[in-house]
Amino acid sequence: MRKLLVLTLAIVAGLSAGALAATQMIHQQGRMFSAESMSVKKGESLSFINDDTVPHNIMSTSAGNEFNLGSQPPGTMTEVTFKAAGNVQVICAIHPRMKMTVQVSE
């Protein structure tokens, strides 16, 4: 019985810790990202939220972390998971001045 209680507490504690690991958010407003740089661990995600009045096309061609979100209309959110360690250059393909770096660590 005691082993079952300890096992149950360990599982609940593990689930609670996982629930606390929230996805970080990057807002897009005024044709700018809300941060010039962010840090995440490999396997973690960033949510790109378009709070702007115009569409954005967020993308990266950085090796191991390539993505292209396509046209993201105002009011939408898209999550990106980073799979490889290194510096990831993120841009908006529509608005060239929108640039940021995501530092992905092991």
PDB file of N, CA and C in Angstrom:
ATOM      1  N   MET A   1       0.806  -1.186   0.000  1.00  0.00           N
ATOM      2  CA  MET A   1       0.000   0.000   0.000  1.00  0.00           C
ATOM      3  C   MET A   1       0.862   1.267   0.000  1.00  0.00           C
ATOM      4  N   ARG A   2       1.918   1.251   0.802  1.00  0.00           N
ATOM      5  CA  ARG A   2       2.799   2.420   0.877  1.00  0.00           C
ATOM      6  C   ARG A   2       3.506   2.653  -0.461  1.00  0.00           C
ATOM      7  N   LYS A   3       3.931   1.572  -1.139  1.00  0.00           N
ATOM      8  CA  LYS A   3       4.573   1.712  -2.453  1.00  0.00           C
ATOM      9  C   LYS A   3       3.612   2.339  -3.460  1.00  0.00           C
ATOM     10  N   LEU A   4       2.352   1.954  -3.404  1.00  0.00           N
ATOM     11  CA  LEU A   4       1.350   2.509  -4.305  1.00  0.00           C
ATOM     12  C   LEU A   4       1.172   4.006  -4.050  1.00  0.00           C
ATOM     13  N   LEU A   5       1.146   4.403  -2.785  1.00  0.00           N
ATOM     14  CA  LEU A   5       1.009   5.815  -2.436  1.00  0.00           C
ATOM     15  C   LEU A   5       2.207   6.615  -2.937  1.00  0.00           C
ATOM     16  N   VAL A   6       3.412   6.101  -2.739  1.00  0.00           N
ATOM     17  CA  VAL A   6       4.627   6.791  -3.180  1.00  0.00           C
ATOM     18  C   VAL A   6       4.629   6.908  -4.699  1.00  0.00           C
ATOM     19  N   LEU A   7       4.259   5.828  -5.400  1.00  0.00           N
ATOM     20  CA  LEU A   7       4.208   5.847  -6.856  1.00  0.00           C
ATOM     21  C   LEU A   7       3.182   6.865  -7.346  1.00  0.00           C
ATOM     22  N   THR A   8       2.021   6.899  -6.721  1.00  0.00           N
ATOM     23  CA  THR A   8       0.972   7.847  -7.101  1.00  0.00           C
ATOM     24  C   THR A   8       1.444   9.284  -6.909  1.00  0.00           C
ATOM     25  N   LEU A   9       2.081   9.566  -5.776  1.00  0.00           N
ATOM     26  CA  LEU A   9       2.595  10.917  -5.524  1.00  0.00           C
ATOM     27  C   LEU A   9       3.666  11.300  -6.531  1.00  0.00           C
ATOM     28  N   ALA A  10       4.521  10.368  -6.897  1.00  0.00           N
ATOM     29  CA  ALA A  10       5.571  10.642  -7.882  1.00  0.00           C
ATOM     30  C   ALA A  10       4.967  10.973  -9.238  1.00  0.00           C
ATOM     31  N   ILE A  11       3.935  10.251  -9.637  1.00  0.00           N
ATOM     32  CA  ILE A  11       3.282  10.513 -10.925  1.00  0.00           C
ATOM     33  C   ILE A  11       2.604  11.877 -10.915  1.00  0.00           C
ATOM     34  N   VAL A  12       1.883  12.176  -9.847  1.00  0.00           N
ATOM     35  CA  VAL A  12       1.197  13.472  -9.738  1.00  0.00           C
ATOM     36  C   VAL A  12       2.211  14.613  -9.753  1.00  0.00           C
ATOM     37  N   ALA A  13       3.313  14.459  -9.035  1.00  0.00           N
ATOM     38  CA  ALA A  13       4.349  15.497  -9.011  1.00  0.00           C
ATOM     39  C   ALA A  13       4.933  15.703 -10.400  1.00  0.00           C
ATOM     40  N   GLY A  14       5.175  14.634 -11.123  1.00  0.00           N
ATOM     41  CA  GLY A  14       5.710  14.732 -12.478  1.00  0.00           C
ATOM     42  C   GLY A  14       4.751  15.430 -13.415  1.00  0.00           C
ATOM     43  N   LEU A  15       3.470  15.115 -13.322  1.00  0.00           N
ATOM     44  CA  LEU A  15       2.473  15.763 -14.165  1.00  0.00           C
ATOM     45  C   LEU A  15       2.347  17.241 -13.827  1.00  0.00           C
ATOM     46  N   SER A  16       2.423  17.570 -12.555  1.00  0.00           N
ATOM     47  CA  SER A  16       2.325  18.965 -12.138  1.00  0.00           C
ATOM     48  C   SER A  16       3.506  19.766 -12.663  1.00  0.00           C
ATOM     49  N   ALA A  17       4.700  19.205 -12.614  1.00  0.00           N
ATOM     50  CA  ALA A  17       5.886  19.902 -13.111  1.00  0.00           C
ATOM     51  C   ALA A  17       5.763  20.127 -14.608  1.00  0.00           C
ATOM     52  N   GLY A  18       5.245  19.161 -15.345  1.00  0.00           N
ATOM     53  CA  GLY A  18       5.061  19.320 -16.777  1.00  0.00           C
ATOM     54  C   GLY A  18       4.052  20.397 -17.099  1.00  0.00           C
ATOM     55  N   ALA A  19       3.032  20.503 -16.285  1.00  0.00           N
ATOM     56  CA  ALA A  19       2.005  21.518 -16.515  1.00  0.00           C
ATOM     57  C   ALA A  19       2.549  22.920 -16.293  1.00  0.00           C
ATOM     58  N   LEU A  20       3.577  23.065 -15.459  1.00  0.00           N
ATOM     59  CA  LEU A  20       4.151  24.369 -15.179  1.00  0.00           C
ATOM     60  C   LEU A  20       5.036  24.877 -16.307  1.00  0.00           C
ATOM     61  N   ALA A  21       5.510  23.991 -17.179  1.00  0.00           N
ATOM     62  CA  ALA A  21       6.378  24.382 -18.283  1.00  0.00           C
ATOM     63  C   ALA A  21       5.518  24.975 -19.396  1.00  0.00           C
ATOM     64  N   ALA A  22       5.287  26.274 -19.335  1.00  0.00           N
ATOM     65  CA  ALA A  22       4.419  26.941 -20.300  1.00  0.00           C
ATOM     66  C   ALA A  22       5.209  27.328 -21.544  1.00  0.00           C
ATOM     67  N   THR A  23       4.523  27.330 -22.662  1.00  0.00           N
ATOM     68  CA  THR A  23       5.119  27.776 -23.909  1.00  0.00           C
ATOM     69  C   THR A  23       5.288  29.295 -23.851  1.00  0.00           C
ATOM     70  N   GLN A  24       6.463  29.770 -24.245  1.00  0.00           N
ATOM     71  CA  GLN A  24       6.697  31.214 -24.289  1.00  0.00           C
ATOM     72  C   GLN A  24       5.998  31.795 -25.516  1.00  0.00           C
ATOM     73  N   MET A  25       5.658  33.066 -25.451  1.00  0.00           N
ATOM     74  CA  MET A  25       4.927  33.706 -26.535  1.00  0.00           C
ATOM     75  C   MET A  25       5.708  34.855 -27.145  1.00  0.00           C
ATOM     76  N   ILE A  26       5.610  34.953 -28.464  1.00  0.00           N
ATOM     77  CA  ILE A  26       6.161  36.077 -29.214  1.00  0.00           C
ATOM     78  C   ILE A  26       4.976  36.760 -29.890  1.00  0.00           C
ATOM     79  N   HIS A  27       4.784  38.025 -29.585  1.00  0.00           N
ATOM     80  CA  HIS A  27       3.700  38.785 -30.201  1.00  0.00           C
ATOM     81  C   HIS A  27       4.231  39.529 -31.419  1.00  0.00           C
ATOM     82  N   GLN A  28       3.354  39.742 -32.379  1.00  0.00           N
ATOM     83  CA  GLN A  28       3.673  40.510 -33.574  1.00  0.00           C
ATOM     84  C   GLN A  28       2.722  41.694 -33.597  1.00  0.00           C
ATOM     85  N   GLN A  29       3.299  42.887 -33.501  1.00  0.00           N
ATOM     86  CA  GLN A  29       2.467  44.081 -33.486  1.00  0.00           C
ATOM     87  C   GLN A  29       3.274  45.253 -34.019  1.00  0.00           C
ATOM     88  N   GLY A  30       2.650  46.085 -34.836  1.00  0.00           N
ATOM     89  CA  GLY A  30       3.358  47.217 -35.421  1.00  0.00           C
ATOM     90  C   GLY A  30       4.460  46.760 -36.357  1.00  0.00           C
ATOM     91  N   ARG A  31       4.247  45.609 -36.982  1.00  0.00           N
ATOM     92  CA  ARG A  31       5.228  44.995 -37.895  1.00  0.00           C
ATOM     93  C   ARG A  31       6.578  44.766 -37.205  1.00  0.00           C
ATOM     94  N   MET A  32       6.488  44.365 -35.913  1.00  0.00           N
ATOM     95  CA  MET A  32       7.676  44.047 -35.115  1.00  0.00           C
ATOM     96  C   MET A  32       7.378  42.828 -34.251  1.00  0.00           C
ATOM     97  N   PHE A  33       8.439  42.088 -33.887  1.00  0.00           N
ATOM     98  CA  PHE A  33       8.313  41.027 -32.886  1.00  0.00           C
ATOM     99  C   PHE A  33       8.394  41.666 -31.507  1.00  0.00           C
ATOM    100  N   SER A  34       7.790  41.049 -30.511  1.00  0.00           N
ATOM    101  CA  SER A  34       7.810  41.585 -29.147  1.00  0.00           C
ATOM    102  C   SER A  34       9.174  41.431 -28.478  1.00  0.00           C
ATOM    103  N   ALA A  35      10.063  40.638 -29.059  1.00  0.00           N
ATOM    104  CA  ALA A  35      11.419  40.462 -28.518  1.00  0.00           C
ATOM    105  C   ALA A  35      12.398  40.299 -29.680  1.00  0.00           C
ATOM    106  N   GLU A  36      13.602  40.803 -29.495  1.00  0.00           N
ATOM    107  CA  GLU A  36      14.643  40.627 -30.515  1.00  0.00           C
ATOM    108  C   GLU A  36      15.316  39.273 -30.384  1.00  0.00           C
ATOM    109  N   SER A  37      15.259  38.688 -29.179  1.00  0.00           N
ATOM    110  CA  SER A  37      15.841  37.366 -28.974  1.00  0.00           C
ATOM    111  C   SER A  37      15.108  36.652 -27.843  1.00  0.00           C
ATOM    112  N   MET A  38      15.121  35.331 -27.925  1.00  0.00           N
ATOM    113  CA  MET A  38      14.508  34.466 -26.910  1.00  0.00           C
ATOM    114  C   MET A  38      15.431  33.265 -26.743  1.00  0.00           C
ATOM    115  N   SER A  39      15.327  32.627 -25.586  1.00  0.00           N
ATOM    116  CA  SER A  39      16.075  31.400 -25.324  1.00  0.00           C
ATOM    117  C   SER A  39      15.096  30.293 -24.979  1.00  0.00           C
ATOM    118  N   VAL A  40      15.298  29.136 -25.609  1.00  0.00           N
ATOM    119  CA  VAL A  40      14.497  27.950 -25.315  1.00  0.00           C
ATOM    120  C   VAL A  40      15.437  26.750 -25.274  1.00  0.00           C
ATOM    121  N   LYS A  41      14.954  25.658 -24.724  1.00  0.00           N
ATOM    122  CA  LYS A  41      15.699  24.406 -24.754  1.00  0.00           C
ATOM    123  C   LYS A  41      15.210  23.578 -25.929  1.00  0.00           C
ATOM    124  N   LYS A  42      16.085  22.728 -26.421  1.00  0.00           N
ATOM    125  CA  LYS A  42      15.721  21.844 -27.515  1.00  0.00           C
ATOM    126  C   LYS A  42      14.466  21.072 -27.131  1.00  0.00           C
ATOM    127  N   GLY A  43      13.480  21.040 -28.041  1.00  0.00           N
ATOM    128  CA  GLY A  43      12.215  20.368 -27.785  1.00  0.00           C
ATOM    129  C   GLY A  43      11.136  21.281 -27.240  1.00  0.00           C
ATOM    130  N   GLU A  44      11.505  22.492 -26.826  1.00  0.00           N
ATOM    131  CA  GLU A  44      10.512  23.450 -26.348  1.00  0.00           C
ATOM    132  C   GLU A  44       9.929  24.236 -27.517  1.00  0.00           C
ATOM    133  N   SER A  45       8.833  24.929 -27.236  1.00  0.00           N
ATOM    134  CA  SER A  45       8.110  25.651 -28.283  1.00  0.00           C
ATOM    135  C   SER A  45       7.979  27.131 -27.971  1.00  0.00           C
ATOM    136  N   LEU A  46       7.758  27.892 -29.033  1.00  0.00           N
ATOM    137  CA  LEU A  46       7.362  29.296 -28.941  1.00  0.00           C
ATOM    138  C   LEU A  46       6.034  29.435 -29.662  1.00  0.00           C
ATOM    139  N   SER A  47       5.141  30.229 -29.117  1.00  0.00           N
ATOM    140  CA  SER A  47       3.886  30.535 -29.794  1.00  0.00           C
ATOM    141  C   SER A  47       4.021  31.909 -30.433  1.00  0.00           C
ATOM    142  N   PHE A  48       3.783  31.965 -31.735  1.00  0.00           N
ATOM    143  CA  PHE A  48       3.816  33.222 -32.480  1.00  0.00           C
ATOM    144  C   PHE A  48       2.374  33.714 -32.610  1.00  0.00           C
ATOM    145  N   ILE A  49       2.098  34.866 -32.005  1.00  0.00           N
ATOM    146  CA  ILE A  49       0.742  35.411 -31.954  1.00  0.00           C
ATOM    147  C   ILE A  49       0.694  36.691 -32.787  1.00  0.00           C
ATOM    148  N   ASN A  50      -0.195  36.716 -33.766  1.00  0.00           N
ATOM    149  CA  ASN A  50      -0.334  37.900 -34.600  1.00  0.00           C
ATOM    150  C   ASN A  50      -1.360  38.840 -33.985  1.00  0.00           C
ATOM    151  N   ASP A  51      -0.859  39.848 -33.249  1.00  0.00           N
ATOM    152  CA  ASP A  51      -1.696  40.881 -32.658  1.00  0.00           C
ATOM    153  C   ASP A  51      -1.765  42.107 -33.561  1.00  0.00           C
ATOM    154  N   ASP A  52      -1.235  41.983 -34.759  1.00  0.00           N
ATOM    155  CA  ASP A  52      -1.141  43.100 -35.685  1.00  0.00           C
ATOM    156  C   ASP A  52      -2.427  43.232 -36.490  1.00  0.00           C
ATOM    157  N   THR A  53      -2.483  44.244 -37.335  1.00  0.00           N
ATOM    158  CA  THR A  53      -3.641  44.455 -38.199  1.00  0.00           C
ATOM    159  C   THR A  53      -3.414  43.906 -39.601  1.00  0.00           C
ATOM    160  N   VAL A  54      -2.238  43.334 -39.823  1.00  0.00           N
ATOM    161  CA  VAL A  54      -1.874  42.794 -41.138  1.00  0.00           C
ATOM    162  C   VAL A  54      -1.364  41.367 -40.992  1.00  0.00           C
ATOM    163  N   PRO A  55      -1.423  40.552 -42.058  1.00  0.00           N
ATOM    164  CA  PRO A  55      -0.872  39.191 -42.006  1.00  0.00           C
ATOM    165  C   PRO A  55       0.655  39.207 -41.908  1.00  0.00           C
ATOM    166  N   HIS A  56       1.208  38.133 -41.357  1.00  0.00           N
ATOM    167  CA  HIS A  56       2.656  37.921 -41.314  1.00  0.00           C
ATOM    168  C   HIS A  56       2.947  36.503 -41.788  1.00  0.00           C
ATOM    169  N   ASN A  57       4.158  36.289 -42.298  1.00  0.00           N
ATOM    170  CA  ASN A  57       4.601  34.957 -42.719  1.00  0.00           C
ATOM    171  C   ASN A  57       5.918  34.664 -42.007  1.00  0.00           C
ATOM    172  N   ILE A  58       5.822  34.077 -40.813  1.00  0.00           N
ATOM    173  CA  ILE A  58       6.987  33.822 -39.973  1.00  0.00           C
ATOM    174  C   ILE A  58       7.675  32.560 -40.459  1.00  0.00           C
ATOM    175  N   MET A  59       9.014  32.645 -40.596  1.00  0.00           N
ATOM    176  CA  MET A  59       9.764  31.507 -41.117  1.00  0.00           C
ATOM    177  C   MET A  59      11.210  31.525 -40.652  1.00  0.00           C
ATOM    178  N   SER A  60      11.874  30.379 -40.835  1.00  0.00           N
ATOM    179  CA  SER A  60      13.303  30.245 -40.571  1.00  0.00           C
ATOM    180  C   SER A  60      13.891  29.235 -41.534  1.00  0.00           C
ATOM    181  N   THR A  61      15.090  29.524 -42.004  1.00  0.00           N
ATOM    182  CA  THR A  61      15.820  28.576 -42.841  1.00  0.00           C
ATOM    183  C   THR A  61      17.061  28.059 -42.107  1.00  0.00           C
ATOM    184  N   SER A  62      17.121  28.288 -40.789  1.00  0.00           N
ATOM    185  CA  SER A  62      18.263  27.828 -39.990  1.00  0.00           C
ATOM    186  C   SER A  62      18.274  26.301 -39.921  1.00  0.00           C
ATOM    187  N   ALA A  63      19.418  25.698 -40.211  1.00  0.00           N
ATOM    188  CA  ALA A  63      19.564  24.239 -40.279  1.00  0.00           C
ATOM    189  C   ALA A  63      19.046  23.559 -39.020  1.00  0.00           C
ATOM    190  N   GLY A  64      18.192  22.564 -39.228  1.00  0.00           N
ATOM    191  CA  GLY A  64      17.631  21.794 -38.122  1.00  0.00           C
ATOM    192  C   GLY A  64      16.365  22.380 -37.537  1.00  0.00           C
ATOM    193  N   ASN A  65      16.095  23.635 -37.835  1.00  0.00           N
ATOM    194  CA  ASN A  65      14.913  24.317 -37.303  1.00  0.00           C
ATOM    195  C   ASN A  65      14.174  25.082 -38.397  1.00  0.00           C
ATOM    196  N   GLU A  66      14.129  24.512 -39.592  1.00  0.00           N
ATOM    197  CA  GLU A  66      13.446  25.162 -40.695  1.00  0.00           C
ATOM    198  C   GLU A  66      11.934  25.104 -40.482  1.00  0.00           C
ATOM    199  N   PHE A  67      11.263  26.209 -40.736  1.00  0.00           N
ATOM    200  CA  PHE A  67       9.807  26.232 -40.713  1.00  0.00           C
ATOM    201  C   PHE A  67       9.313  27.415 -41.521  1.00  0.00           C
ATOM    202  N   ASN A  68       8.078  27.326 -41.986  1.00  0.00           N
ATOM    203  CA  ASN A  68       7.415  28.406 -42.707  1.00  0.00           C
ATOM    204  C   ASN A  68       5.942  28.339 -42.332  1.00  0.00           C
ATOM    205  N   LEU A  69       5.487  29.307 -41.568  1.00  0.00           N
ATOM    206  CA  LEU A  69       4.115  29.291 -41.077  1.00  0.00           C
ATOM    207  C   LEU A  69       3.099  29.731 -42.121  1.00  0.00           C
ATOM    208  N   GLY A  70       3.562  30.201 -43.267  1.00  0.00           N
ATOM    209  CA  GLY A  70       2.629  30.683 -44.272  1.00  0.00           C
ATOM    210  C   GLY A  70       1.960  31.960 -43.794  1.00  0.00           C
ATOM    211  N   SER A  71       0.949  32.398 -44.526  1.00  0.00           N
ATOM    212  CA  SER A  71       0.263  33.631 -44.169  1.00  0.00           C
ATOM    213  C   SER A  71      -0.525  33.433 -42.883  1.00  0.00           C
ATOM    214  N   GLN A  72      -0.157  34.200 -41.867  1.00  0.00           N
ATOM    215  CA  GLN A  72      -0.793  34.118 -40.551  1.00  0.00           C
ATOM    216  C   GLN A  72      -1.651  35.373 -40.367  1.00  0.00           C
ATOM    217  N   PRO A  73      -2.978  35.239 -40.508  1.00  0.00           N
ATOM    218  CA  PRO A  73      -3.853  36.414 -40.403  1.00  0.00           C
ATOM    219  C   PRO A  73      -3.868  37.009 -38.992  1.00  0.00           C
ATOM    220  N   PRO A  74      -4.273  38.268 -38.880  1.00  0.00           N
ATOM    221  CA  PRO A  74      -4.414  38.877 -37.558  1.00  0.00           C
ATOM    222  C   PRO A  74      -5.320  38.038 -36.663  1.00  0.00           C
ATOM    223  N   GLY A  75      -4.939  37.953 -35.378  1.00  0.00           N
ATOM    224  CA  GLY A  75      -5.734  37.229 -34.399  1.00  0.00           C
ATOM    225  C   GLY A  75      -5.432  35.751 -34.302  1.00  0.00           C
ATOM    226  N   THR A  76      -4.423  35.265 -35.024  1.00  0.00           N
ATOM    227  CA  THR A  76      -4.098  33.837 -34.978  1.00  0.00           C
ATOM    228  C   THR A  76      -2.824  33.589 -34.188  1.00  0.00           C
ATOM    229  N   MET A  77      -2.673  32.345 -33.756  1.00  0.00           N
ATOM    230  CA  MET A  77      -1.490  31.913 -33.013  1.00  0.00           C
ATOM    231  C   MET A  77      -1.016  30.585 -33.587  1.00  0.00           C
ATOM    232  N   THR A  78       0.295  30.458 -33.774  1.00  0.00           N
ATOM    233  CA  THR A  78       0.877  29.214 -34.258  1.00  0.00           C
ATOM    234  C   THR A  78       2.085  28.875 -33.396  1.00  0.00           C
ATOM    235  N   GLU A  79       2.180  27.611 -33.001  1.00  0.00           N
ATOM    236  CA  GLU A  79       3.261  27.150 -32.139  1.00  0.00           C
ATOM    237  C   GLU A  79       4.350  26.492 -32.989  1.00  0.00           C
ATOM    238  N   VAL A  80       5.607  26.778 -32.648  1.00  0.00           N
ATOM    239  CA  VAL A  80       6.757  26.189 -33.325  1.00  0.00           C
ATOM    240  C   VAL A  80       7.619  25.499 -32.275  1.00  0.00           C
ATOM    241  N   THR A  81       7.970  24.227 -32.523  1.00  0.00           N
ATOM    242  CA  THR A  81       8.857  23.472 -31.642  1.00  0.00           C
ATOM    243  C   THR A  81      10.251  23.463 -32.254  1.00  0.00           C
ATOM    244  N   PHE A  82      11.258  23.760 -31.445  1.00  0.00           N
ATOM    245  CA  PHE A  82      12.637  23.838 -31.915  1.00  0.00           C
ATOM    246  C   PHE A  82      13.337  22.508 -31.635  1.00  0.00           C
ATOM    247  N   LYS A  83      13.865  21.895 -32.691  1.00  0.00           N
ATOM    248  CA  LYS A  83      14.365  20.527 -32.625  1.00  0.00           C
ATOM    249  C   LYS A  83      15.871  20.397 -32.507  1.00  0.00           C
ATOM    250  N   ALA A  84      16.613  21.452 -32.846  1.00  0.00           N
ATOM    251  CA  ALA A  84      18.075  21.359 -32.844  1.00  0.00           C
ATOM    252  C   ALA A  84      18.668  22.550 -32.094  1.00  0.00           C
ATOM    253  N   ALA A  85      19.762  22.309 -31.381  1.00  0.00           N
ATOM    254  CA  ALA A  85      20.447  23.383 -30.662  1.00  0.00           C
ATOM    255  C   ALA A  85      21.143  24.316 -31.643  1.00  0.00           C
ATOM    256  N   GLY A  86      21.274  25.579 -31.252  1.00  0.00           N
ATOM    257  CA  GLY A  86      21.951  26.572 -32.079  1.00  0.00           C
ATOM    258  C   GLY A  86      21.138  27.852 -32.147  1.00  0.00           C
ATOM    259  N   ASN A  87      21.657  28.818 -32.879  1.00  0.00           N
ATOM    260  CA  ASN A  87      20.965  30.088 -33.076  1.00  0.00           C
ATOM    261  C   ASN A  87      20.062  29.982 -34.291  1.00  0.00           C
ATOM    262  N   VAL A  88      18.806  30.348 -34.103  1.00  0.00           N
ATOM    263  CA  VAL A  88      17.806  30.275 -35.163  1.00  0.00           C
ATOM    264  C   VAL A  88      17.404  31.693 -35.546  1.00  0.00           C
ATOM    265  N   GLN A  89      17.595  32.033 -36.802  1.00  0.00           N
ATOM    266  CA  GLN A  89      17.193  33.337 -37.312  1.00  0.00           C
ATOM    267  C   GLN A  89      15.748  33.238 -37.786  1.00  0.00           C
ATOM    268  N   VAL A  90      14.874  34.059 -37.198  1.00  0.00           N
ATOM    269  CA  VAL A  90      13.450  34.052 -37.529  1.00  0.00           C
ATOM    270  C   VAL A  90      13.115  35.386 -38.192  1.00  0.00           C
ATOM    271  N   ILE A  91      12.379  35.325 -39.301  1.00  0.00           N
ATOM    272  CA  ILE A  91      12.013  36.530 -40.037  1.00  0.00           C
ATOM    273  C   ILE A  91      10.535  36.468 -40.431  1.00  0.00           C
ATOM    274  N   CYS A  92      10.029  37.587 -40.875  1.00  0.00           N
ATOM    275  CA  CYS A  92       8.736  37.633 -41.551  1.00  0.00           C
ATOM    276  C   CYS A  92       9.056  37.797 -43.030  1.00  0.00           C
ATOM    277  N   ALA A  93       8.569  36.882 -43.855  1.00  0.00           N
ATOM    278  CA  ALA A  93       8.845  36.927 -45.293  1.00  0.00           C
ATOM    279  C   ALA A  93       8.136  38.102 -45.969  1.00  0.00           C
ATOM    280  N   ILE A  94       7.168  38.700 -45.291  1.00  0.00           N
ATOM    281  CA  ILE A  94       6.429  39.831 -45.860  1.00  0.00           C
ATOM    282  C   ILE A  94       7.065  41.163 -45.460  1.00  0.00           C
ATOM    283  N   HIS A  95       7.542  41.246 -44.213  1.00  0.00           N
ATOM    284  CA  HIS A  95       8.082  42.500 -43.661  1.00  0.00           C
ATOM    285  C   HIS A  95       9.552  42.293 -43.285  1.00  0.00           C
ATOM    286  N   PRO A  96      10.474  42.660 -44.159  1.00  0.00           N
ATOM    287  CA  PRO A  96      11.908  42.365 -43.967  1.00  0.00           C
ATOM    288  C   PRO A  96      12.528  42.898 -42.683  1.00  0.00           C
ATOM    289  N   ARG A  97      11.977  43.953 -42.094  1.00  0.00           N
ATOM    290  CA  ARG A  97      12.582  44.483 -40.865  1.00  0.00           C
ATOM    291  C   ARG A  97      12.221  43.638 -39.634  1.00  0.00           C
ATOM    292  N   MET A  98      11.273  42.725 -39.771  1.00  0.00           N
ATOM    293  CA  MET A  98      10.890  41.845 -38.662  1.00  0.00           C
ATOM    294  C   MET A  98      11.892  40.708 -38.577  1.00  0.00           C
ATOM    295  N   LYS A  99      12.769  40.773 -37.594  1.00  0.00           N
ATOM    296  CA  LYS A  99      13.814  39.770 -37.403  1.00  0.00           C
ATOM    297  C   LYS A  99      13.982  39.508 -35.916  1.00  0.00           C
ATOM    298  N   MET A 100      14.303  38.257 -35.597  1.00  0.00           N
ATOM    299  CA  MET A 100      14.640  37.917 -34.209  1.00  0.00           C
ATOM    300  C   MET A 100      15.515  36.671 -34.219  1.00  0.00           C
ATOM    301  N   THR A 101      16.168  36.404 -33.098  1.00  0.00           N
ATOM    302  CA  THR A 101      17.007  35.232 -32.932  1.00  0.00           C
ATOM    303  C   THR A 101      16.461  34.403 -31.781  1.00  0.00           C
ATOM    304  N   VAL A 102      16.372  33.090 -32.004  1.00  0.00           N
ATOM    305  CA  VAL A 102      16.001  32.165 -30.933  1.00  0.00           C
ATOM    306  C   VAL A 102      17.231  31.337 -30.628  1.00  0.00           C
ATOM    307  N   GLN A 103      17.713  31.405 -29.400  1.00  0.00           N
ATOM    308  CA  GLN A 103      18.865  30.620 -28.976  1.00  0.00           C
ATOM    309  C   GLN A 103      18.346  29.317 -28.379  1.00  0.00           C
ATOM    310  N   VAL A 104      18.636  28.210 -29.059  1.00  0.00           N
ATOM    311  CA  VAL A 104      18.158  26.904 -28.628  1.00  0.00           C
ATOM    312  C   VAL A 104      19.320  26.163 -27.981  1.00  0.00           C
ATOM    313  N   SER A 105      19.153  25.810 -26.709  1.00  0.00           N
ATOM    314  CA  SER A 105      20.215  25.102 -25.982  1.00  0.00           C
ATOM    315  C   SER A 105      19.835  23.633 -25.794  1.00  0.00           C
ATOM    316  N   GLU A 106      20.849  22.827 -25.487  1.00  0.00           N
ATOM    317  CA  GLU A 106      20.626  21.400 -25.226  1.00  0.00           C
ATOM    318  C   GLU A 106      19.870  21.271 -23.979  1.00  0.00           C
TER     319      GLU A 106
END
